[in-house]
Protein backbone atom coordinates (compact mmCIF):
# COMPACT_ATOMS: atom_id res chain seq x y z
CA MET A 1 38.92 105.75 139.99
CA VAL A 2 42.20 103.64 139.45
CA TRP A 3 41.72 101.36 142.42
CA PHE A 4 37.86 100.69 140.98
CA ARG A 5 39.12 99.92 137.64
CA ARG A 6 41.80 97.55 139.13
CA ASN A 7 39.69 95.90 141.45
CA LEU A 8 36.41 95.74 139.20
CA LYS A 9 36.61 92.09 139.17
CA TYR A 10 36.29 91.86 142.99
CA LEU A 11 33.44 93.92 143.22
CA PHE A 12 31.95 91.62 140.57
CA LEU A 13 32.67 88.63 142.64
CA THR A 14 31.43 90.42 145.90
CA ILE A 15 28.12 91.13 144.28
CA MET A 16 27.71 87.64 142.95
CA VAL A 17 28.33 86.41 146.71
CA ILE A 18 25.66 88.43 148.13
CA ILE A 19 23.14 88.19 145.64
CA LEU A 20 23.46 84.88 143.95
CA ALA A 21 20.86 82.63 145.40
CA ALA A 22 19.22 79.16 144.50
CA PRO A 23 17.71 79.49 140.79
CA GLN A 24 14.24 80.32 140.17
CA ILE A 25 12.00 77.70 138.54
CA THR A 26 11.50 78.98 135.20
CA GLY A 27 10.64 77.45 131.87
CA LEU A 28 7.57 75.47 133.12
CA ALA A 29 4.99 74.53 130.66
CA GLN A 30 2.20 72.25 130.23
CA THR A 31 3.34 68.79 128.97
CA SER A 32 1.75 67.17 125.95
CA GLN A 33 0.46 63.60 125.75
CA GLY A 34 3.26 62.12 123.81
CA ILE A 35 6.58 61.97 125.71
CA ASP A 36 9.52 60.95 123.50
CA VAL A 37 11.68 58.79 125.69
CA ARG A 38 14.24 58.19 123.28
CA SER A 39 14.79 61.98 122.87
CA ILE A 40 14.72 62.56 126.41
CA ASN A 41 17.64 59.91 126.83
CA THR A 42 19.79 61.43 124.07
CA TYR A 43 19.41 64.94 125.51
CA LEU A 44 20.35 63.95 128.96
CA SER A 45 23.35 61.85 127.66
CA GLU A 46 24.68 64.81 125.63
CA ASN A 47 24.16 67.38 128.31
CA LEU A 48 25.89 65.19 130.83
CA LYS A 49 29.05 66.12 129.02
CA LYS A 50 28.34 69.63 127.70
CA ASN A 51 27.62 70.65 131.18
CA ARG A 52 30.41 68.74 132.93
CA ILE A 53 27.99 67.15 135.42
CA GLN A 54 29.53 64.42 137.47
CA GLY A 55 26.00 62.62 137.96
CA PHE A 56 22.43 62.62 137.92
CA ALA A 57 19.45 60.28 138.11
CA VAL A 58 16.06 61.10 136.43
CA GLY A 59 12.39 59.55 136.45
CA VAL A 60 9.50 60.54 134.17
CA VAL A 61 5.88 59.25 134.95
CA GLN A 62 2.67 59.76 133.34
CA GLY A 63 -0.84 58.29 134.35
CA ASP A 64 -0.22 55.20 136.35
CA GLN A 65 3.03 54.29 134.80
CA VAL A 66 6.76 54.83 135.07
CA LEU A 67 7.64 55.96 131.61
CA PHE A 68 11.47 56.37 132.08
CA THR A 69 14.19 56.15 134.87
CA LYS A 70 17.88 56.25 134.20
CA GLY A 71 21.08 57.14 135.85
CA TYR A 72 23.86 59.26 134.04
CA GLY A 73 27.46 59.85 135.04
CA LEU A 74 29.15 58.65 138.05
CA ALA A 75 27.92 58.18 141.45
CA GLY A 76 31.74 58.05 142.77
CA HIS A 77 33.97 55.51 143.83
CA GLY A 78 33.82 53.86 140.24
CA ARG A 79 30.15 53.53 140.51
CA GLU A 80 27.88 54.35 137.59
CA THR A 81 24.90 56.37 138.40
CA THR A 82 21.55 54.32 138.33
CA PRO A 83 17.92 54.71 139.22
CA GLN A 84 18.56 53.07 142.47
CA THR A 85 21.53 55.19 143.26
CA GLN A 86 20.56 57.23 146.54
CA PHE A 87 20.75 60.98 146.85
CA TYR A 88 19.96 63.59 149.49
CA ILE A 89 16.81 65.21 148.25
CA GLY A 90 17.19 68.41 150.01
CA SER A 91 14.09 70.69 150.58
CA VAL A 92 11.89 68.29 148.44
CA SER A 93 11.98 66.48 152.18
CA LYS A 94 9.46 69.14 152.89
CA THR A 95 6.90 67.52 150.77
CA PHE A 96 7.07 64.64 152.71
CA THR A 97 7.00 66.33 155.97
CA ALA A 98 3.92 68.35 154.81
CA LEU A 99 2.32 64.83 153.70
CA ALA A 100 2.90 63.30 157.21
CA VAL A 101 1.57 66.29 159.02
CA MET A 102 -1.77 65.87 156.73
CA GLN A 103 -1.94 62.23 157.45
CA LEU A 104 -2.19 63.09 161.05
CA VAL A 105 -4.74 65.73 160.23
CA GLU A 106 -6.72 63.15 158.49
CA LYS A 107 -6.53 60.96 161.71
CA GLY A 108 -7.59 63.71 163.81
CA LEU A 109 -4.33 63.81 165.69
CA ILE A 110 -3.71 67.47 164.67
CA ASP A 111 -5.73 70.40 163.98
CA LEU A 112 -4.15 72.75 161.15
CA ASP A 113 -5.73 75.84 163.07
CA ALA A 114 -4.49 74.96 166.30
CA PRO A 115 -1.42 76.76 167.78
CA VAL A 116 2.12 75.27 167.56
CA GLN A 117 2.04 75.43 171.59
CA LYS A 118 -0.82 72.89 171.85
CA TYR A 119 1.63 70.26 170.68
CA ILE A 120 4.92 71.79 172.07
CA PRO A 121 3.77 73.54 175.23
CA TRP A 122 7.16 75.05 175.66
CA PHE A 123 7.70 76.49 172.41
CA GLU A 124 8.23 80.20 172.17
CA ILE A 125 10.01 82.90 170.18
CA ALA A 126 11.50 86.10 171.33
CA ASP A 127 8.15 88.01 171.35
CA LYS A 128 6.30 85.42 173.82
CA ASP A 129 2.84 87.11 172.99
CA GLU A 130 3.40 86.20 169.40
CA SER A 131 4.43 82.82 170.29
CA GLY A 132 0.98 81.45 170.85
CA LYS A 133 -0.46 82.86 167.73
CA ILE A 134 1.68 80.83 165.13
CA THR A 135 -0.43 77.55 164.00
CA ILE A 136 0.26 74.49 162.10
CA ARG A 137 -1.25 75.95 158.91
CA ASN A 138 1.08 79.01 159.39
CA LEU A 139 4.25 76.41 159.34
CA LEU A 140 2.97 74.54 156.54
CA ASN A 141 2.30 77.58 154.42
CA HIS A 142 5.50 79.55 155.62
CA THR A 143 3.40 82.23 157.00
CA SER A 144 4.51 81.97 160.54
CA GLY A 145 6.25 85.39 160.41
CA LEU A 146 9.43 83.99 161.19
CA SER A 147 12.39 84.18 158.74
CA GLU A 148 16.20 83.67 158.64
CA ALA A 149 16.52 87.45 158.71
CA GLY A 150 15.21 87.42 162.35
CA ASP A 151 17.04 84.09 163.43
CA ARG A 152 20.47 84.49 164.64
CA ASN A 153 20.43 80.72 165.14
CA ALA A 154 19.07 79.55 161.61
CA SER A 155 22.49 78.03 160.54
CA ALA A 156 23.24 76.35 163.89
CA PHE A 157 24.01 72.82 164.08
CA THR A 158 21.53 70.80 166.20
CA SER A 159 21.65 67.26 167.14
CA SER A 160 17.82 66.83 167.65
CA LEU A 161 14.56 68.59 166.69
CA ASP A 162 14.02 69.47 170.33
CA GLU A 163 17.34 71.35 170.36
CA GLN A 164 16.31 73.00 166.99
CA ALA A 165 12.99 74.14 168.16
CA GLY A 166 14.71 75.36 171.54
CA LEU A 167 16.90 77.82 169.68
CA LEU A 168 13.95 79.76 168.28
CA LYS A 169 13.34 81.49 171.83
CA ASP A 170 15.67 84.13 170.23
CA ALA A 171 13.94 84.28 166.91
CA HIS A 172 12.15 87.67 165.99
CA LEU A 173 9.13 88.05 163.49
CA THR A 174 9.86 89.79 160.45
CA ALA A 175 6.16 90.04 159.48
CA PRO A 176 2.52 89.63 161.35
CA VAL A 177 1.78 86.09 161.72
CA GLY A 178 -0.22 84.77 158.94
CA VAL A 179 -0.18 87.63 156.54
CA LYS A 180 3.25 87.00 154.46
CA PHE A 181 4.93 84.16 152.58
CA GLN A 182 8.68 83.93 153.85
CA TYR A 183 10.20 80.66 152.97
CA TYR A 184 12.01 79.35 156.25
CA ASN A 185 13.48 75.82 157.00
CA GLN A 186 12.71 76.42 160.63
CA ASN A 187 9.05 76.12 160.15
CA TYR A 188 9.31 72.50 158.76
CA ARG A 189 11.71 71.36 161.49
CA LEU A 190 9.10 72.68 163.82
CA LEU A 191 6.70 70.34 161.92
CA GLY A 192 8.95 67.38 162.14
CA LEU A 193 8.99 67.76 166.21
CA ILE A 194 5.16 68.08 166.13
CA ILE A 195 5.00 64.82 164.16
CA GLU A 196 7.21 63.16 166.85
CA LYS A 197 5.25 64.72 169.68
CA VAL A 198 1.75 63.62 168.24
CA SER A 199 2.80 60.17 166.64
CA GLY A 200 5.10 59.04 169.47
CA MET A 201 7.69 58.08 166.76
CA SER A 202 10.65 59.53 165.78
CA TYR A 203 10.58 61.69 162.55
CA GLY A 204 12.30 59.27 160.49
CA ASP A 205 10.47 56.24 161.71
CA TYR A 206 7.22 57.92 161.05
CA ILE A 207 8.05 58.76 157.44
CA GLN A 208 9.79 55.08 157.01
CA THR A 209 6.62 53.59 158.39
CA HIS A 210 3.92 55.62 157.09
CA ILE A 211 5.17 56.93 153.88
CA PHE A 212 8.05 55.10 152.37
CA ASP A 213 7.03 51.63 153.21
CA PRO A 214 3.40 51.97 151.87
CA LEU A 215 4.71 53.45 148.70
CA GLY A 216 7.22 50.82 148.16
CA MET A 217 10.03 53.09 148.40
CA ASP A 218 12.41 50.58 149.52
CA ARG A 219 15.63 52.45 149.25
CA SER A 220 14.57 55.61 150.84
CA THR A 221 15.54 56.56 154.17
CA ALA A 222 16.10 59.12 157.03
CA ASP A 223 19.56 57.77 158.14
CA PRO A 224 22.45 58.18 155.87
CA LEU A 225 23.73 55.10 157.83
CA ASN A 226 21.08 53.05 155.97
CA ALA A 227 22.06 54.37 152.68
CA PRO A 228 24.82 51.97 151.09
CA ASP A 229 24.20 53.34 147.83
CA LEU A 230 24.57 57.02 148.48
CA ALA A 231 26.10 59.04 145.98
CA GLN A 232 29.35 60.50 146.47
CA ALA A 233 28.78 64.38 146.87
CA TYR A 234 30.89 66.94 144.58
CA THR A 235 31.34 70.63 144.46
CA ARG A 236 32.77 72.48 141.40
CA PHE A 237 35.96 74.15 141.41
CA PHE A 238 36.82 76.04 138.47
CA GLY A 239 34.54 73.55 136.43
CA PHE A 240 36.28 70.51 138.00
CA ALA A 241 34.20 67.95 140.00
CA VAL A 242 35.69 68.06 143.76
CA PRO A 243 34.71 65.01 146.05
CA MET A 244 33.27 66.57 149.22
CA GLN A 245 31.89 65.03 152.59
CA GLN A 246 28.05 65.95 152.64
CA SER A 247 27.15 67.00 156.37
CA TYR A 248 24.09 65.48 157.90
CA ILE A 249 22.44 67.48 160.71
CA PRO A 250 19.81 65.51 162.53
CA GLY A 251 18.07 68.66 163.69
CA TRP A 252 17.44 69.73 160.08
CA LEU A 253 16.14 66.37 158.79
CA PRO A 254 12.46 67.31 158.00
CA SER A 255 13.45 70.40 155.96
CA GLY A 256 16.21 68.82 153.92
CA TYR A 257 17.93 65.52 154.75
CA LEU A 258 15.74 62.73 153.45
CA ILE A 259 17.57 60.15 151.24
CA SER A 260 15.82 58.73 147.98
CA THR A 261 16.34 57.34 144.48
CA ALA A 262 15.07 58.36 140.93
CA GLU A 263 13.21 55.08 140.94
CA ASP A 264 11.41 55.49 144.40
CA MET A 265 10.61 59.13 143.80
CA SER A 266 8.77 57.96 140.57
CA LYS A 267 6.83 55.82 142.82
CA PHE A 268 6.06 59.10 145.18
CA LEU A 269 5.22 61.08 142.02
CA LEU A 270 2.48 58.48 140.88
CA ALA A 271 0.99 58.02 144.51
CA GLN A 272 0.56 62.02 144.22
CA ILE A 273 -0.74 61.99 140.88
CA ASN A 274 -3.33 59.28 141.27
CA ASN A 275 -3.69 59.78 145.23
CA GLN A 276 -3.21 55.89 145.57
CA LYS A 277 -1.05 53.62 147.27
CA PRO A 278 0.39 50.52 145.24
CA ASP A 279 -2.17 48.60 147.31
CA GLY A 280 -5.06 50.44 145.97
CA SER A 281 -5.83 52.57 149.26
CA GLN A 282 -6.09 56.48 149.22
CA LEU A 283 -3.02 58.46 149.76
CA LEU A 284 -4.89 61.30 151.38
CA GLU A 285 -8.45 62.56 151.60
CA PRO A 286 -9.01 64.56 148.44
CA GLU A 287 -9.93 67.58 150.40
CA LEU A 288 -6.62 67.71 152.20
CA LEU A 289 -4.57 67.00 149.18
CA ALA A 290 -6.39 69.84 147.51
CA ILE A 291 -5.44 72.23 150.59
CA MET A 292 -1.78 71.23 150.21
CA ARG A 293 -1.71 72.09 146.44
CA SER A 294 -3.38 75.51 147.07
CA GLU A 295 -2.20 78.93 148.10
CA PRO A 296 -3.47 80.39 151.56
CA ALA A 297 -6.21 82.69 151.20
CA GLY A 298 -5.04 86.30 151.16
CA VAL A 299 -1.41 85.38 150.86
CA ASP A 300 0.58 85.90 147.44
CA GLY A 301 3.54 83.62 147.91
CA GLY A 302 2.96 80.85 145.30
CA TYR A 303 3.29 78.22 147.98
CA GLY A 304 0.81 75.62 149.27
CA MET A 305 2.09 73.06 151.79
CA GLY A 306 5.03 71.35 150.84
CA TRP A 307 4.28 72.23 147.19
CA LEU A 308 5.11 75.50 145.09
CA ILE A 309 2.04 76.21 143.17
CA LEU A 310 2.40 77.25 139.28
CA ASP A 311 0.63 77.56 136.24
CA ASP A 312 -2.60 78.87 137.97
CA GLY A 313 -2.48 75.74 140.21
CA ASP A 314 -2.06 73.22 137.48
CA THR A 315 1.61 72.60 138.08
CA ILE A 316 3.08 71.77 141.54
CA ALA A 317 6.75 71.50 142.13
CA HIS A 318 9.69 71.77 144.70
CA GLY A 319 13.22 72.00 144.39
CA GLY A 320 15.92 71.14 146.96
CA ALA A 321 19.63 71.79 147.60
CA ASN A 322 22.02 70.52 150.06
CA GLU A 323 25.57 71.84 150.04
CA PHE A 324 26.67 69.29 147.21
CA PHE A 325 23.20 67.69 146.25
CA GLN A 326 20.31 69.37 144.35
CA SER A 327 16.96 67.89 143.25
CA PHE A 328 13.74 68.85 141.63
CA ILE A 329 10.33 67.24 141.33
CA LEU A 330 7.20 68.42 139.13
CA ILE A 331 3.81 67.45 138.58
CA HIS A 332 1.42 68.75 135.92
CA GLN A 333 -2.10 67.65 137.30
CA LYS A 334 -4.17 68.14 134.16
CA ASP A 335 -1.85 65.70 131.96
CA LYS A 336 -0.94 63.68 135.25
CA THR A 337 2.61 63.83 134.21
CA GLY A 338 5.55 64.16 136.46
CA MET A 339 9.49 64.12 136.78
CA VAL A 340 12.31 64.10 139.11
CA LEU A 341 15.80 64.88 138.76
CA LEU A 342 18.70 64.04 141.46
CA PHE A 343 22.11 65.54 141.16
CA ASN A 344 25.15 64.66 143.12
CA GLN A 345 26.92 67.53 142.32
CA ASN A 346 25.95 71.34 143.37
CA SER A 347 27.35 74.82 143.60
CA MET A 348 25.93 78.19 143.12
CA GLU A 349 27.28 78.12 139.53
CA SER A 350 25.74 74.53 139.00
CA MET A 351 22.27 75.70 140.41
CA GLN A 352 22.55 78.73 138.04
CA PHE A 353 23.80 77.10 134.83
CA GLU A 354 24.81 73.40 134.39
CA ASN A 355 22.18 71.62 136.75
CA ASN A 356 19.38 74.33 135.54
CA ASN A 357 20.33 74.05 131.94
CA VAL A 358 19.48 70.04 132.20
CA ARG A 359 16.45 70.81 134.26
CA ASN A 360 14.86 73.38 131.81
CA GLY A 361 15.83 71.08 128.83
CA LEU A 362 13.83 68.15 130.21
CA LEU A 363 10.79 70.30 130.81
CA GLU A 364 10.78 71.59 127.34
CA LEU A 365 11.18 67.77 126.17
CA LEU A 366 8.09 66.96 128.49
CA ASP A 367 6.38 69.99 126.56
CA GLY A 368 6.92 68.36 123.19
CA ARG A 369 9.47 71.30 122.28
CA PRO A 370 12.92 70.88 121.05
CA PRO A 371 15.39 72.01 124.05
CA LYS A 372 17.54 74.86 124.15
CA GLN A 373 21.39 73.55 123.90
CA ASN A 374 22.82 75.39 126.58
CA GLY A 375 26.07 73.85 127.51
CA ALA A 376 27.85 75.78 130.21
CA GLY A 377 30.89 73.33 130.92
CA TRP A 378 33.02 76.14 129.37
CA ILE A 379 32.45 78.69 132.47
CA GLY A 380 34.80 76.78 134.55
CA TRP A 381 37.42 77.07 132.10
CA VAL A 382 36.84 80.85 131.57
CA LEU A 383 36.88 81.26 135.51
CA LEU A 384 40.27 79.42 135.71
CA ALA A 385 41.72 81.30 132.87
CA LEU A 386 40.82 84.54 134.50
CA PHE A 387 41.95 83.50 137.91
CA GLY A 388 45.32 82.49 136.35
CA LEU A 389 45.79 85.78 134.88
CA ASP A 390 44.74 87.71 138.12
CA LEU A 391 47.28 85.81 140.04
CA PHE A 392 49.84 86.76 137.25
CA ASN A 393 48.76 90.16 137.67
CA HIS A 394 49.38 90.29 141.37
CA ALA A 395 52.59 88.81 141.03
CA ARG A 396 53.62 91.45 138.45
CA LEU A 397 52.39 94.01 140.92
CA PHE A 398 54.42 92.63 143.89
CA ALA A 399 57.57 92.42 141.57
CA ALA A 400 57.11 96.01 140.74
CA LEU A 401 57.21 97.00 144.41
CA GLY A 402 60.98 97.28 144.00
CA SER A 403 61.09 100.07 141.27
CA TRP A 404 58.01 101.69 142.81
CA LYS A 405 60.26 102.15 146.14
CA LYS A 406 63.00 104.03 144.08
CA LYS A 407 60.27 106.41 142.81
CA ILE A 408 58.60 107.34 146.14
CA ASP A 409 60.58 110.54 146.21
CA THR A 410 58.89 111.68 143.00
CA LYS A 411 55.37 110.80 144.22
CA ASN A 412 52.86 112.44 146.30
CA ARG A 413 53.33 111.03 149.47
CA LEU A 414 49.68 112.03 150.76
CA ARG A 415 48.07 110.64 147.70
CA ILE A 416 49.82 107.30 148.17
CA ARG A 417 48.79 107.22 151.96
CA VAL A 418 45.13 108.35 150.92
CA GLY A 419 45.07 105.49 148.22
CA ALA A 420 46.65 102.86 150.16
CA VAL A 421 44.60 103.46 153.11
CA THR A 422 41.58 103.65 151.02
CA VAL A 423 42.45 100.04 149.55
CA ILE A 424 43.05 98.56 152.98
CA VAL A 425 39.88 99.80 154.59
CA LEU A 426 37.69 98.63 151.51
CA THR A 427 39.35 95.32 151.38
CA ILE A 428 38.98 94.87 155.44
CA PHE A 429 35.34 95.52 154.68
CA VAL A 430 34.80 93.08 152.10
CA ILE A 431 36.59 90.28 153.97
CA PHE A 432 35.11 90.97 157.40
CA GLY A 433 32.19 93.30 156.59
CA VAL A 434 30.36 91.33 153.79
CA PRO A 435 29.60 88.45 156.25
CA VAL A 436 28.28 90.80 158.82
CA LEU A 437 26.15 92.58 156.22
CA VAL A 438 24.64 89.35 154.79
CA ALA A 439 23.81 88.18 158.37
CA VAL A 440 22.08 91.48 159.01
CA ILE A 441 19.95 91.08 155.88
CA LYS A 442 19.46 87.32 155.70
CA GLY A 443 20.16 86.23 159.46
CA GLY A 444 22.41 83.65 160.86
CA ALA A 445 26.03 84.04 161.88
CA PRO A 446 28.40 85.90 159.88
CA SER A 447 30.58 83.53 158.20
CA TRP A 448 32.15 82.86 154.57
CA MET A 449 31.77 79.22 155.40
CA GLU A 450 28.25 78.86 153.60
CA PRO A 451 29.27 80.61 150.28
CA LEU A 452 32.95 78.68 150.55
CA ARG A 453 30.88 75.49 150.43
CA PHE A 454 28.48 76.62 147.64
CA GLN A 455 31.15 78.25 145.37
CA PRO A 456 34.67 77.51 146.50
CA ASP A 457 36.36 78.79 143.41
CA LEU A 458 34.76 82.22 143.26
CA ILE A 459 34.99 82.88 147.23
CA ILE A 460 38.66 81.84 147.25
CA TRP A 461 39.55 84.09 144.25
CA LEU A 462 37.76 86.67 146.13
CA LEU A 463 39.37 86.40 149.32
CA LEU A 464 42.92 85.64 148.13
CA GLY A 465 42.77 88.62 145.73
CA MET A 466 41.62 90.93 148.49
CA SER A 467 43.94 89.64 150.84
CA LEU A 468 46.93 90.19 148.36
CA ASP A 469 45.59 93.80 147.77
CA LEU A 470 45.45 94.31 151.50
CA VAL A 471 49.16 93.09 152.00
CA ARG A 472 50.72 95.18 149.03
CA ASN A 473 49.16 98.21 150.09
CA CYS A 474 50.40 97.81 153.77
CA ILE A 475 53.74 97.21 152.19
CA LYS A 476 53.50 100.52 150.49
CA LEU A 477 52.44 102.42 153.61
CA VAL A 478 55.27 100.91 155.26
CA LEU A 479 57.94 101.85 152.48
CA VAL A 480 56.58 105.42 152.47
CA ALA A 481 57.00 105.60 156.14
CA ARG A 482 60.64 104.34 155.92
CA SER A 483 61.49 106.62 153.01
CA GLN A 484 60.96 110.01 155.49
């Protein structure tokens, strides 16, 4: 019990590392017709500071008009964030991938119910008999039966979509094909490869030629080398923004690495709302657009094809997150209202609190309600203070080892050994065992690197604290042994 009380903070931090995931989309409501742009601007300006966010850009559309686009904060290197600032849009990329597939369906080049092997004959998973059952529709709906839990290569860096698909030969089904929703990035990476095989173009060239260019999305791209105004990426370290280098993984492009702006995404939302390109032509056959915005029959997952389905189908939305960028788009179909938010700062804390607060407040304003003032910039200061106190306590405990050594003869040696060994075993389990446990539950290779990128302060605190406990208790065992 003494060890438990002393290390309760580490238990709390460990649990956070295991269970903290991307935020749920909450607070959605029907928008009203009257959108107060001035209130939106005031709210976002205030909450940039209250939540200590480095920078973000926003776009609000209604009907056939862009009502509001603006950037807030810094894009890095002394630049102000503007509606033209470029951001990675994370999993919002899936919405574009799904649209590209449906364009090819419209042209008769892809059959939704055809197996993947029709377009990629060499495609297979660990269960070869099941490989031929996975269809294009399954990939779009995330009902392929595959998930991260069954794919040890889910986090592997790949330089091409062909290489990415090849790694699936070791993936195991975690549900029967077609019966269960399991959000899984590999589904959309496979779709990107199918787009390449069917169109004869690279995925990036197809998106540029058939979506970005026709919609006038002039500053959107699939290649970071073509993004001169790409925002500097930031993570949070005890509330402070720390510049980071956002990685780019070619094999993951269709599931999360497209780049766009608030201005361009507003154009995309208008095209989706009105099913119309700027030249007046149709974006997609209405029947196909309706399929994209509907859950598959018999599957309760709240996901269509590249869209989350909410509010009994009236609201469609999607969120996205790279290591250091976050995005969110939403359309209320009845009111023909849409919004986009793009952040150049991300962490687990940001997704749960700071960025999440701004998003939910904007949703409330679109609904005509006063937003909750939920500034969370203080969280970093609290964590920093607790971290400082914890380091001070460790220093005190190490300093006390001298006087503790002098009292060894008055202590129960067996109890000391049992206590020290218990701490050593538990700390070793946390440091080395937790990544393995997470890998077993979620799939992928055991590693602290992913959580370290998403929340460096908590992970460093956790690992440093556990390591210091480990060293101190090893010293205790040595001191006891030498005193005999």
